[in-house]
Amino acid sequence: MILTVYFRRWGNSLGIRLPSAVVREMHLMDGAAAELSVQDGQILIRPKQSALPQRRQRRPMSFYEQRAKERGLSSLGATDAGIMEI
């Protein structure tokens, strides 16, 4: 399978998107690790078979989210019982 992909700016780096056909054939998933090397002027990408996808870290709760959690409120102000607290 030979496909044309285009390099796009991603911050200070360049990136490419892998077509879904490649993702399916290689059984790749979001967060999976790969090894990248350059040999004889060619870019080689090899999935790491032993590496499991890394989970993304949850962002820390904001001050207001923490206070709502301590008071048993959801982020919208509703309690677990479904009653709005004002």
PDB file of N, CA and C in Angstrom:
ATOM      1  N   MET A   1       0.855  -1.169   0.000  1.00  0.00           N
ATOM      2  CA  MET A   1       0.000   0.000   0.000  1.00  0.00           C
ATOM      3  C   MET A   1       0.903   1.235   0.000  1.00  0.00           C
ATOM      4  N   ILE A   2       0.748   2.090  -0.976  1.00  0.00           N
ATOM      5  CA  ILE A   2       1.489   3.345  -1.033  1.00  0.00           C
ATOM      6  C   ILE A   2       0.468   4.476  -1.075  1.00  0.00           C
ATOM      7  N   LEU A   3       0.538   5.358  -0.080  1.00  0.00           N
ATOM      8  CA  LEU A   3      -0.376   6.488   0.018  1.00  0.00           C
ATOM      9  C   LEU A   3       0.432   7.776   0.128  1.00  0.00           C
ATOM     10  N   THR A   4      -0.120   8.867  -0.332  1.00  0.00           N
ATOM     11  CA  THR A   4       0.522  10.171  -0.181  1.00  0.00           C
ATOM     12  C   THR A   4      -0.059  10.854   1.047  1.00  0.00           C
ATOM     13  N   VAL A   5       0.817  11.305   1.933  1.00  0.00           N
ATOM     14  CA  VAL A   5       0.416  12.076   3.107  1.00  0.00           C
ATOM     15  C   VAL A   5       1.152  13.408   3.056  1.00  0.00           C
ATOM     16  N   TYR A   6       0.619  14.395   3.751  1.00  0.00           N
ATOM     17  CA  TYR A   6       1.205  15.728   3.740  1.00  0.00           C
ATOM     18  C   TYR A   6       1.634  16.129   5.139  1.00  0.00           C
ATOM     19  N   PHE A   7       2.792  16.737   5.228  1.00  0.00           N
ATOM     20  CA  PHE A   7       3.284  17.252   6.498  1.00  0.00           C
ATOM     21  C   PHE A   7       2.551  18.549   6.810  1.00  0.00           C
ATOM     22  N   ARG A   8       2.140  18.699   8.054  1.00  0.00           N
ATOM     23  CA  ARG A   8       1.449  19.901   8.517  1.00  0.00           C
ATOM     24  C   ARG A   8       2.137  20.412   9.776  1.00  0.00           C
ATOM     25  N   ARG A   9       2.132  21.722   9.934  1.00  0.00           N
ATOM     26  CA  ARG A   9       2.721  22.336  11.123  1.00  0.00           C
ATOM     27  C   ARG A   9       1.898  21.935  12.339  1.00  0.00           C
ATOM     28  N   TRP A  10       2.584  21.556  13.413  1.00  0.00           N
ATOM     29  CA  TRP A  10       1.962  21.203  14.694  1.00  0.00           C
ATOM     30  C   TRP A  10       2.846  21.815  15.762  1.00  0.00           C
ATOM     31  N   GLY A  11       2.521  23.039  16.192  1.00  0.00           N
ATOM     32  CA  GLY A  11       3.383  23.785  17.097  1.00  0.00           C
ATOM     33  C   GLY A  11       4.672  24.122  16.377  1.00  0.00           C
ATOM     34  N   ASN A  12       5.812  23.779  16.971  1.00  0.00           N
ATOM     35  CA  ASN A  12       7.110  24.003  16.336  1.00  0.00           C
ATOM     36  C   ASN A  12       7.563  22.791  15.532  1.00  0.00           C
ATOM     37  N   SER A  13       6.732  21.783  15.437  1.00  0.00           N
ATOM     38  CA  SER A  13       7.090  20.537  14.756  1.00  0.00           C
ATOM     39  C   SER A  13       6.257  20.364  13.493  1.00  0.00           C
ATOM     40  N   LEU A  14       6.540  19.304  12.776  1.00  0.00           N
ATOM     41  CA  LEU A  14       5.718  18.889  11.652  1.00  0.00           C
ATOM     42  C   LEU A  14       5.096  17.547  11.993  1.00  0.00           C
ATOM     43  N   GLY A  15       3.889  17.319  11.513  1.00  0.00           N
ATOM     44  CA  GLY A  15       3.229  16.048  11.771  1.00  0.00           C
ATOM     45  C   GLY A  15       2.529  15.554  10.528  1.00  0.00           C
ATOM     46  N   ILE A  16       2.177  14.283  10.540  1.00  0.00           N
ATOM     47  CA  ILE A  16       1.384  13.686   9.467  1.00  0.00           C
ATOM     48  C   ILE A  16       0.215  12.951  10.116  1.00  0.00           C
ATOM     49  N   ARG A  17      -0.844  12.785   9.363  1.00  0.00           N
ATOM     50  CA  ARG A  17      -1.976  11.973   9.819  1.00  0.00           C
ATOM     51  C   ARG A  17      -1.898  10.642   9.109  1.00  0.00           C
ATOM     52  N   LEU A  18      -2.122   9.588   9.860  1.00  0.00           N
ATOM     53  CA  LEU A  18      -2.140   8.260   9.249  1.00  0.00           C
ATOM     54  C   LEU A  18      -3.541   7.973   8.727  1.00  0.00           C
ATOM     55  N   PRO A  19      -3.670   7.607   7.469  1.00  0.00           N
ATOM     56  CA  PRO A  19      -4.992   7.271   6.925  1.00  0.00           C
ATOM     57  C   PRO A  19      -5.607   6.093   7.683  1.00  0.00           C
ATOM     58  N   SER A  20      -6.926   6.070   7.741  1.00  0.00           N
ATOM     59  CA  SER A  20      -7.626   5.029   8.508  1.00  0.00           C
ATOM     60  C   SER A  20      -7.303   3.631   7.997  1.00  0.00           C
ATOM     61  N   ALA A  21      -7.025   3.484   6.711  1.00  0.00           N
ATOM     62  CA  ALA A  21      -6.670   2.164   6.169  1.00  0.00           C
ATOM     63  C   ALA A  21      -5.380   1.657   6.810  1.00  0.00           C
ATOM     64  N   VAL A  22      -4.417   2.534   7.028  1.00  0.00           N
ATOM     65  CA  VAL A  22      -3.157   2.154   7.667  1.00  0.00           C
ATOM     66  C   VAL A  22      -3.397   1.822   9.132  1.00  0.00           C
ATOM     67  N   VAL A  23      -4.206   2.632   9.795  1.00  0.00           N
ATOM     68  CA  VAL A  23      -4.511   2.406  11.211  1.00  0.00           C
ATOM     69  C   VAL A  23      -5.159   1.040  11.398  1.00  0.00           C
ATOM     70  N   ARG A  24      -6.121   0.710  10.535  1.00  0.00           N
ATOM     71  CA  ARG A  24      -6.797  -0.597  10.636  1.00  0.00           C
ATOM     72  C   ARG A  24      -5.842  -1.742  10.357  1.00  0.00           C
ATOM     73  N   GLU A  25      -5.062  -1.626   9.284  1.00  0.00           N
ATOM     74  CA  GLU A  25      -4.161  -2.718   8.908  1.00  0.00           C
ATOM     75  C   GLU A  25      -3.103  -2.979   9.974  1.00  0.00           C
ATOM     76  N   MET A  26      -2.635  -1.915  10.627  1.00  0.00           N
ATOM     77  CA  MET A  26      -1.581  -2.052  11.632  1.00  0.00           C
ATOM     78  C   MET A  26      -2.140  -2.235  13.043  1.00  0.00           C
ATOM     79  N   HIS A  27      -3.473  -2.220  13.185  1.00  0.00           N
ATOM     80  CA  HIS A  27      -4.139  -2.379  14.493  1.00  0.00           C
ATOM     81  C   HIS A  27      -3.639  -1.333  15.483  1.00  0.00           C
ATOM     82  N   LEU A  28      -3.596  -0.084  15.049  1.00  0.00           N
ATOM     83  CA  LEU A  28      -3.134   1.011  15.900  1.00  0.00           C
ATOM     84  C   LEU A  28      -4.306   1.614  16.659  1.00  0.00           C
ATOM     85  N   MET A  29      -3.999   2.277  17.762  1.00  0.00           N
ATOM     86  CA  MET A  29      -5.021   2.970  18.524  1.00  0.00           C
ATOM     87  C   MET A  29      -4.442   4.240  19.119  1.00  0.00           C
ATOM     88  N   ASP A  30      -5.305   5.157  19.475  1.00  0.00           N
ATOM     89  CA  ASP A  30      -4.897   6.435  20.047  1.00  0.00           C
ATOM     90  C   ASP A  30      -4.043   6.216  21.290  1.00  0.00           C
ATOM     91  N   GLY A  31      -2.899   6.857  21.343  1.00  0.00           N
ATOM     92  CA  GLY A  31      -2.020   6.752  22.501  1.00  0.00           C
ATOM     93  C   GLY A  31      -0.993   5.641  22.418  1.00  0.00           C
ATOM     94  N   ALA A  32      -1.040   4.807  21.378  1.00  0.00           N
ATOM     95  CA  ALA A  32      -0.067   3.719  21.239  1.00  0.00           C
ATOM     96  C   ALA A  32       1.323   4.293  20.974  1.00  0.00           C
ATOM     97  N   ALA A  33       2.348   3.605  21.431  1.00  0.00           N
ATOM     98  CA  ALA A  33       3.735   4.047  21.255  1.00  0.00           C
ATOM     99  C   ALA A  33       4.323   3.483  19.967  1.00  0.00           C
ATOM    100  N   ALA A  34       5.261   4.229  19.398  1.00  0.00           N
ATOM    101  CA  ALA A  34       5.943   3.787  18.188  1.00  0.00           C
ATOM    102  C   ALA A  34       7.393   4.247  18.247  1.00  0.00           C
ATOM    103  N   GLU A  35       8.237   3.569  17.496  1.00  0.00           N
ATOM    104  CA  GLU A  35       9.641   3.967  17.347  1.00  0.00           C
ATOM    105  C   GLU A  35       9.789   4.638  15.997  1.00  0.00           C
ATOM    106  N   LEU A  36      10.483   5.765  15.951  1.00  0.00           N
ATOM    107  CA  LEU A  36      10.708   6.494  14.712  1.00  0.00           C
ATOM    108  C   LEU A  36      12.204   6.556  14.470  1.00  0.00           C
ATOM    109  N   SER A  37      12.623   6.231  13.256  1.00  0.00           N
ATOM    110  CA  SER A  37      14.042   6.303  12.915  1.00  0.00           C
ATOM    111  C   SER A  37      14.198   6.783  11.479  1.00  0.00           C
ATOM    112  N   VAL A  38      15.386   7.262  11.166  1.00  0.00           N
ATOM    113  CA  VAL A  38      15.715   7.677   9.800  1.00  0.00           C
ATOM    114  C   VAL A  38      16.873   6.803   9.342  1.00  0.00           C
ATOM    115  N   GLN A  39      16.674   6.079   8.245  1.00  0.00           N
ATOM    116  CA  GLN A  39      17.710   5.195   7.701  1.00  0.00           C
ATOM    117  C   GLN A  39      17.796   5.386   6.201  1.00  0.00           C
ATOM    118  N   ASP A  40      18.975   5.675   5.727  1.00  0.00           N
ATOM    119  CA  ASP A  40      19.204   5.848   4.288  1.00  0.00           C
ATOM    120  C   ASP A  40      18.222   6.829   3.658  1.00  0.00           C
ATOM    121  N   GLY A  41      17.942   7.937   4.365  1.00  0.00           N
ATOM    122  CA  GLY A  41      17.054   8.960   3.832  1.00  0.00           C
ATOM    123  C   GLY A  41      15.580   8.615   3.875  1.00  0.00           C
ATOM    124  N   GLN A  42      15.210   7.559   4.595  1.00  0.00           N
ATOM    125  CA  GLN A  42      13.809   7.158   4.716  1.00  0.00           C
ATOM    126  C   GLN A  42      13.366   7.252   6.167  1.00  0.00           C
ATOM    127  N   ILE A  43      12.141   7.673   6.369  1.00  0.00           N
ATOM    128  CA  ILE A  43      11.548   7.725   7.705  1.00  0.00           C
ATOM    129  C   ILE A  43      10.853   6.394   7.955  1.00  0.00           C
ATOM    130  N   LEU A  44      11.236   5.723   9.031  1.00  0.00           N
ATOM    131  CA  LEU A  44      10.628   4.442   9.397  1.00  0.00           C
ATOM    132  C   LEU A  44       9.879   4.599  10.717  1.00  0.00           C
ATOM    133  N   ILE A  45       8.646   4.137  10.748  1.00  0.00           N
ATOM    134  CA  ILE A  45       7.840   4.164  11.973  1.00  0.00           C
ATOM    135  C   ILE A  45       7.416   2.736  12.265  1.00  0.00           C
ATOM    136  N   ARG A  46       7.782   2.259  13.454  1.00  0.00           N
ATOM    137  CA  ARG A  46       7.435   0.887  13.858  1.00  0.00           C
ATOM    138  C   ARG A  46       6.637   0.928  15.151  1.00  0.00           C
ATOM    139  N   PRO A  47       5.429   0.368  15.156  1.00  0.00           N
ATOM    140  CA  PRO A  47       4.669   0.317  16.409  1.00  0.00           C
ATOM    141  C   PRO A  47       5.396  -0.557  17.426  1.00  0.00           C
ATOM    142  N   LYS A  48       5.361  -0.144  18.673  1.00  0.00           N
ATOM    143  CA  LYS A  48       5.938  -0.957  19.744  1.00  0.00           C
ATOM    144  C   LYS A  48       4.865  -1.940  20.190  1.00  0.00           C
ATOM    145  N   GLN A  49       5.109  -3.208  19.964  1.00  0.00           N
ATOM    146  CA  GLN A  49       4.120  -4.240  20.265  1.00  0.00           C
ATOM    147  C   GLN A  49       3.893  -4.415  21.757  1.00  0.00           C
ATOM    148  N   SER A  50       4.949  -4.258  22.552  1.00  0.00           N
ATOM    149  CA  SER A  50       4.827  -4.530  23.982  1.00  0.00           C
ATOM    150  C   SER A  50       4.263  -3.351  24.757  1.00  0.00           C
ATOM    151  N   ALA A  51       4.231  -2.178  24.144  1.00  0.00           N
ATOM    152  CA  ALA A  51       3.780  -0.995  24.876  1.00  0.00           C
ATOM    153  C   ALA A  51       2.270  -0.833  24.758  1.00  0.00           C
ATOM    154  N   LEU A  52       1.616  -0.688  25.889  1.00  0.00           N
ATOM    155  CA  LEU A  52       0.192  -0.430  25.890  1.00  0.00           C
ATOM    156  C   LEU A  52      -0.042   1.063  25.719  1.00  0.00           C
ATOM    157  N   PRO A  53      -1.169   1.455  25.149  1.00  0.00           N
ATOM    158  CA  PRO A  53      -1.450   2.884  25.038  1.00  0.00           C
ATOM    159  C   PRO A  53      -1.449   3.531  26.413  1.00  0.00           C
ATOM    160  N   GLN A  54      -0.872   4.711  26.485  1.00  0.00           N
ATOM    161  CA  GLN A  54      -0.835   5.431  27.759  1.00  0.00           C
ATOM    162  C   GLN A  54      -2.134   6.193  27.932  1.00  0.00           C
ATOM    163  N   ARG A  55      -2.638   6.159  29.149  1.00  0.00           N
ATOM    164  CA  ARG A  55      -3.844   6.926  29.436  1.00  0.00           C
ATOM    165  C   ARG A  55      -3.469   8.392  29.570  1.00  0.00           C
ATOM    166  N   ARG A  56      -4.344   9.231  29.087  1.00  0.00           N
ATOM    167  CA  ARG A  56      -4.104  10.660  29.218  1.00  0.00           C
ATOM    168  C   ARG A  56      -4.385  11.067  30.645  1.00  0.00           C
ATOM    169  N   GLN A  57      -3.571  11.961  31.146  1.00  0.00           N
ATOM    170  CA  GLN A  57      -3.749  12.448  32.506  1.00  0.00           C
ATOM    171  C   GLN A  57      -4.968  13.355  32.570  1.00  0.00           C
ATOM    172  N   ARG A  58      -5.746  13.200  33.606  1.00  0.00           N
ATOM    173  CA  ARG A  58      -6.875  14.107  33.823  1.00  0.00           C
ATOM    174  C   ARG A  58      -6.337  15.440  34.276  1.00  0.00           C
ATOM    175  N   ARG A  59      -6.974  16.505  33.842  1.00  0.00           N
ATOM    176  CA  ARG A  59      -6.545  17.819  34.293  1.00  0.00           C
ATOM    177  C   ARG A  59      -6.944  17.984  35.749  1.00  0.00           C
ATOM    178  N   PRO A  60      -6.175  18.770  36.510  1.00  0.00           N
ATOM    179  CA  PRO A  60      -6.537  18.991  37.912  1.00  0.00           C
ATOM    180  C   PRO A  60      -7.871  19.730  38.002  1.00  0.00           C
ATOM    181  N   MET A  61      -8.621  19.450  39.058  1.00  0.00           N
ATOM    182  CA  MET A  61      -9.895  20.141  39.252  1.00  0.00           C
ATOM    183  C   MET A  61      -9.645  21.601  39.578  1.00  0.00           C
ATOM    184  N   SER A  62     -10.521  22.460  39.073  1.00  0.00           N
ATOM    185  CA  SER A  62     -10.423  23.873  39.407  1.00  0.00           C
ATOM    186  C   SER A  62     -10.882  24.060  40.856  1.00  0.00           C
ATOM    187  N   PHE A  63     -10.623  25.219  41.397  1.00  0.00           N
ATOM    188  CA  PHE A  63     -11.051  25.546  42.757  1.00  0.00           C
ATOM    189  C   PHE A  63     -12.553  25.332  42.901  1.00  0.00           C
ATOM    190  N   TYR A  64     -13.317  25.815  41.907  1.00  0.00           N
ATOM    191  CA  TYR A  64     -14.777  25.727  41.981  1.00  0.00           C
ATOM    192  C   TYR A  64     -15.264  24.293  41.851  1.00  0.00           C
ATOM    193  N   GLU A  65     -14.610  23.491  41.008  1.00  0.00           N
ATOM    194  CA  GLU A  65     -14.981  22.079  40.887  1.00  0.00           C
ATOM    195  C   GLU A  65     -14.695  21.333  42.182  1.00  0.00           C
ATOM    196  N   GLN A  66     -13.573  21.647  42.828  1.00  0.00           N
ATOM    197  CA  GLN A  66     -13.220  21.010  44.099  1.00  0.00           C
ATOM    198  C   GLN A  66     -14.241  21.361  45.173  1.00  0.00           C
ATOM    199  N   ARG A  67     -14.625  22.640  45.251  1.00  0.00           N
ATOM    200  CA  ARG A  67     -15.621  23.071  46.250  1.00  0.00           C
ATOM    201  C   ARG A  67     -16.965  22.387  45.998  1.00  0.00           C
ATOM    202  N   ALA A  68     -17.362  22.273  44.722  1.00  0.00           N
ATOM    203  CA  ALA A  68     -18.629  21.618  44.393  1.00  0.00           C
ATOM    204  C   ALA A  68     -18.584  20.151  44.803  1.00  0.00           C
ATOM    205  N   LYS A  69     -17.449  19.495  44.567  1.00  0.00           N
ATOM    206  CA  LYS A  69     -17.308  18.086  44.943  1.00  0.00           C
ATOM    207  C   LYS A  69     -17.410  17.921  46.453  1.00  0.00           C
ATOM    208  N   GLU A  70     -16.752  18.810  47.199  1.00  0.00           N
ATOM    209  CA  GLU A  70     -16.791  18.751  48.664  1.00  0.00           C
ATOM    210  C   GLU A  70     -18.209  18.929  49.193  1.00  0.00           C
ATOM    211  N   ARG A  71     -19.019  19.714  48.501  1.00  0.00           N
ATOM    212  CA  ARG A  71     -20.395  19.977  48.932  1.00  0.00           C
ATOM    213  C   ARG A  71     -21.405  19.007  48.331  1.00  0.00           C
ATOM    214  N   GLY A  72     -20.928  18.034  47.545  1.00  0.00           N
ATOM    215  CA  GLY A  72     -21.830  17.054  46.953  1.00  0.00           C
ATOM    216  C   GLY A  72     -22.608  17.591  45.774  1.00  0.00           C
ATOM    217  N   LEU A  73     -22.066  18.625  45.116  1.00  0.00           N
ATOM    218  CA  LEU A  73     -22.735  19.219  43.975  1.00  0.00           C
ATOM    219  C   LEU A  73     -22.048  18.803  42.688  1.00  0.00           C
ATOM    220  N   SER A  74     -22.800  18.770  41.598  1.00  0.00           N
ATOM    221  CA  SER A  74     -22.177  18.566  40.297  1.00  0.00           C
ATOM    222  C   SER A  74     -21.636  19.917  39.834  1.00  0.00           C
ATOM    223  N   SER A  75     -20.945  19.929  38.733  1.00  0.00           N
ATOM    224  CA  SER A  75     -20.395  21.186  38.238  1.00  0.00           C
ATOM    225  C   SER A  75     -21.498  22.143  37.798  1.00  0.00           C
ATOM    226  N   LEU A  76     -22.742  21.650  37.651  1.00  0.00           N
ATOM    227  CA  LEU A  76     -23.850  22.517  37.257  1.00  0.00           C
ATOM    228  C   LEU A  76     -24.649  23.012  38.460  1.00  0.00           C
ATOM    229  N   GLY A  77     -24.257  22.605  39.653  1.00  0.00           N
ATOM    230  CA  GLY A  77     -24.943  23.077  40.858  1.00  0.00           C
ATOM    231  C   GLY A  77     -26.020  22.140  41.363  1.00  0.00           C
ATOM    232  N   ALA A  78     -26.254  21.024  40.723  1.00  0.00           N
ATOM    233  CA  ALA A  78     -27.280  20.076  41.184  1.00  0.00           C
ATOM    234  C   ALA A  78     -26.656  19.076  42.137  1.00  0.00           C
ATOM    235  N   THR A  79     -27.368  18.743  43.190  1.00  0.00           N
ATOM    236  CA  THR A  79     -26.865  17.751  44.135  1.00  0.00           C
ATOM    237  C   THR A  79     -27.135  16.355  43.582  1.00  0.00           C
ATOM    238  N   ASP A  80     -26.585  15.359  44.246  1.00  0.00           N
ATOM    239  CA  ASP A  80     -26.830  13.978  43.830  1.00  0.00           C
ATOM    240  C   ASP A  80     -28.327  13.637  43.914  1.00  0.00           C
ATOM    241  N   ALA A  81     -29.039  14.310  44.789  1.00  0.00           N
ATOM    242  CA  ALA A  81     -30.464  14.045  44.943  1.00  0.00           C
ATOM    243  C   ALA A  81     -31.290  14.741  43.856  1.00  0.00           C
ATOM    244  N   GLY A  82     -30.655  15.547  43.031  1.00  0.00           N
ATOM    245  CA  GLY A  82     -31.361  16.230  41.953  1.00  0.00           C
ATOM    246  C   GLY A  82     -31.982  17.551  42.384  1.00  0.00           C
ATOM    247  N   ILE A  83     -31.651  18.053  43.568  1.00  0.00           N
ATOM    248  CA  ILE A  83     -32.203  19.306  44.058  1.00  0.00           C
ATOM    249  C   ILE A  83     -31.165  20.410  43.860  1.00  0.00           C
ATOM    250  N   MET A  84     -31.603  21.514  43.321  1.00  0.00           N
ATOM    251  CA  MET A  84     -30.699  22.629  43.090  1.00  0.00           C
ATOM    252  C   MET A  84     -30.422  23.336  44.414  1.00  0.00           C
ATOM    253  N   GLU A  85     -29.173  23.644  44.662  1.00  0.00           N
ATOM    254  CA  GLU A  85     -28.783  24.364  45.864  1.00  0.00           C
ATOM    255  C   GLU A  85     -28.397  25.768  45.465  1.00  0.00           C
ATOM    256  N   ILE A  86     -28.956  26.748  46.129  1.00  0.00           N
ATOM    257  CA  ILE A  86     -28.666  28.153  45.766  1.00  0.00           C
ATOM    258  C   ILE A  86     -27.868  28.802  46.871  1.00  0.00           C
TER     259      ILE A  86
END
